Protein backbone atom coordinates (compact mmCIF):
# COMPACT_ATOMS: atom_id res chain seq x y z
CA MET A 1 11.14 16.24 -22.95
CA PRO A 2 10.43 17.23 -26.62
CA ILE A 3 9.12 20.66 -27.06
CA GLY A 4 5.24 21.08 -26.53
CA GLN A 5 5.48 17.74 -24.06
CA GLN A 6 6.68 19.89 -21.41
CA GLU A 7 5.03 19.26 -18.12
CA SER A 8 2.76 22.35 -16.27
CA GLY A 9 5.02 23.44 -12.84
CA ALA A 10 2.30 21.01 -10.60
CA THR A 11 2.87 17.96 -12.22
CA ALA A 12 6.70 18.19 -12.48
CA GLY A 13 6.29 18.71 -8.45
CA ALA A 14 3.13 16.05 -8.20
CA LYS A 15 6.00 13.60 -10.32
CA PHE A 16 8.61 14.74 -7.89
CA VAL A 17 7.28 14.61 -4.36
CA THR A 18 5.39 10.86 -5.61
CA SER A 19 9.06 10.15 -7.09
CA THR A 20 10.63 10.57 -3.59
CA VAL A 21 8.28 8.86 -1.50
CA GLY A 22 7.61 5.86 -3.75
CA ASN A 23 11.96 5.27 -3.71
CA THR A 24 12.13 5.53 -0.30
CA VAL A 25 9.19 3.44 0.59
CA GLY A 26 10.68 1.19 -2.36
CA GLY A 27 13.96 0.74 -0.96
CA VAL A 28 12.58 0.45 3.30
CA THR A 29 10.43 -2.52 2.16
CA ASN A 30 13.13 -4.13 0.17
CA THR A 31 15.40 -3.29 3.35
CA LEU A 32 12.83 -5.59 5.22
CA GLY A 33 11.83 -8.43 2.97
CA GLY A 34 16.11 -8.87 2.90
CA VAL A 35 15.78 -8.77 6.41
CA VAL A 36 13.39 -11.05 6.90
CA GLY A 37 15.26 -13.41 4.54
CA ALA A 38 18.35 -13.51 5.57
CA LEU A 39 17.20 -13.96 8.73
CA GLY A 40 15.13 -16.91 7.72
CA ARG A 41 17.82 -18.50 6.13
CA GLY A 42 19.92 -17.78 8.76
CA VAL A 43 17.76 -19.66 11.83
CA GLY A 44 16.70 -22.34 9.19
CA GLU A 45 20.46 -23.12 8.54
CA THR A 46 20.86 -23.45 12.31
CA LEU A 47 17.93 -24.86 13.38
CA GLU A 48 19.12 -27.66 10.89
CA GLY A 49 22.79 -27.55 11.69
CA ALA A 50 21.93 -28.00 15.34
CA THR A 51 19.04 -30.83 14.65
CA GLY A 52 20.41 -32.49 11.84
CA SER A 53 17.94 -34.40 9.80
CA ALA A 54 15.17 -34.50 12.56
CA GLY A 55 15.33 -30.70 12.27
CA ARG A 56 15.38 -30.13 8.50
CA PRO A 57 11.45 -29.79 7.28
CA ILE A 58 11.29 -26.99 9.44
CA ALA A 59 13.98 -25.37 8.78
CA LYS A 60 13.88 -25.74 4.81
CA GLY A 61 10.04 -24.46 5.76
CA LEU A 62 10.79 -21.61 7.14
CA THR A 63 13.49 -20.82 5.33
CA ASP A 64 10.53 -20.71 2.69
CA VAL A 65 8.67 -18.98 3.93
CA THR A 66 10.51 -16.24 5.12
CA ASN A 67 12.07 -16.22 0.94
CA GLY A 68 8.72 -15.75 -0.07
CA ILE A 69 8.60 -12.41 2.34
CA GLU A 70 11.51 -11.45 0.81
CA LYS A 71 10.25 -11.73 -3.00
CA GLY A 72 7.12 -10.60 -2.27
CA SER A 73 8.62 -7.07 -0.29
CA ASN A 74 10.83 -6.81 -3.79
CA ASP A 75 7.79 -7.18 -5.86
CA VAL A 76 6.29 -4.69 -3.77
CA ALA A 77 8.83 -2.76 -3.49
CA GLY A 78 8.67 -2.58 -7.95
CA GLY A 79 5.62 -1.43 -8.06
CA VAL A 80 5.82 1.50 -5.61
CA LYS A 81 8.86 2.14 -7.16
CA ARG A 82 7.30 2.41 -10.56
CA ALA A 83 4.45 4.15 -8.96
CA GLY A 84 6.25 6.43 -7.84
CA GLU A 85 7.93 7.14 -11.09
CA TRP A 86 4.78 7.40 -13.08
CA LYS A 87 5.27 3.83 -14.92
CA SER A 88 3.45 1.34 -15.02
């Protein structure tokens, strides 16, 4: 940081805490979203494999929903991490 633009102790401390919390919450959110997405893809694939073309619409719908949840959680996690780093 350039001279004259250094942060006060309180600001530096607040940034450290929010960064740590943001990275932790963001990481957990990413993990949970990934688990939901993978689970949905696996169940959808299993359902389609077991039922053939009859179960394909349900399997594809389940996969689409859980992929959407995964993407949404990734977006939320990214926002939380940026907020924790005091970035916009």
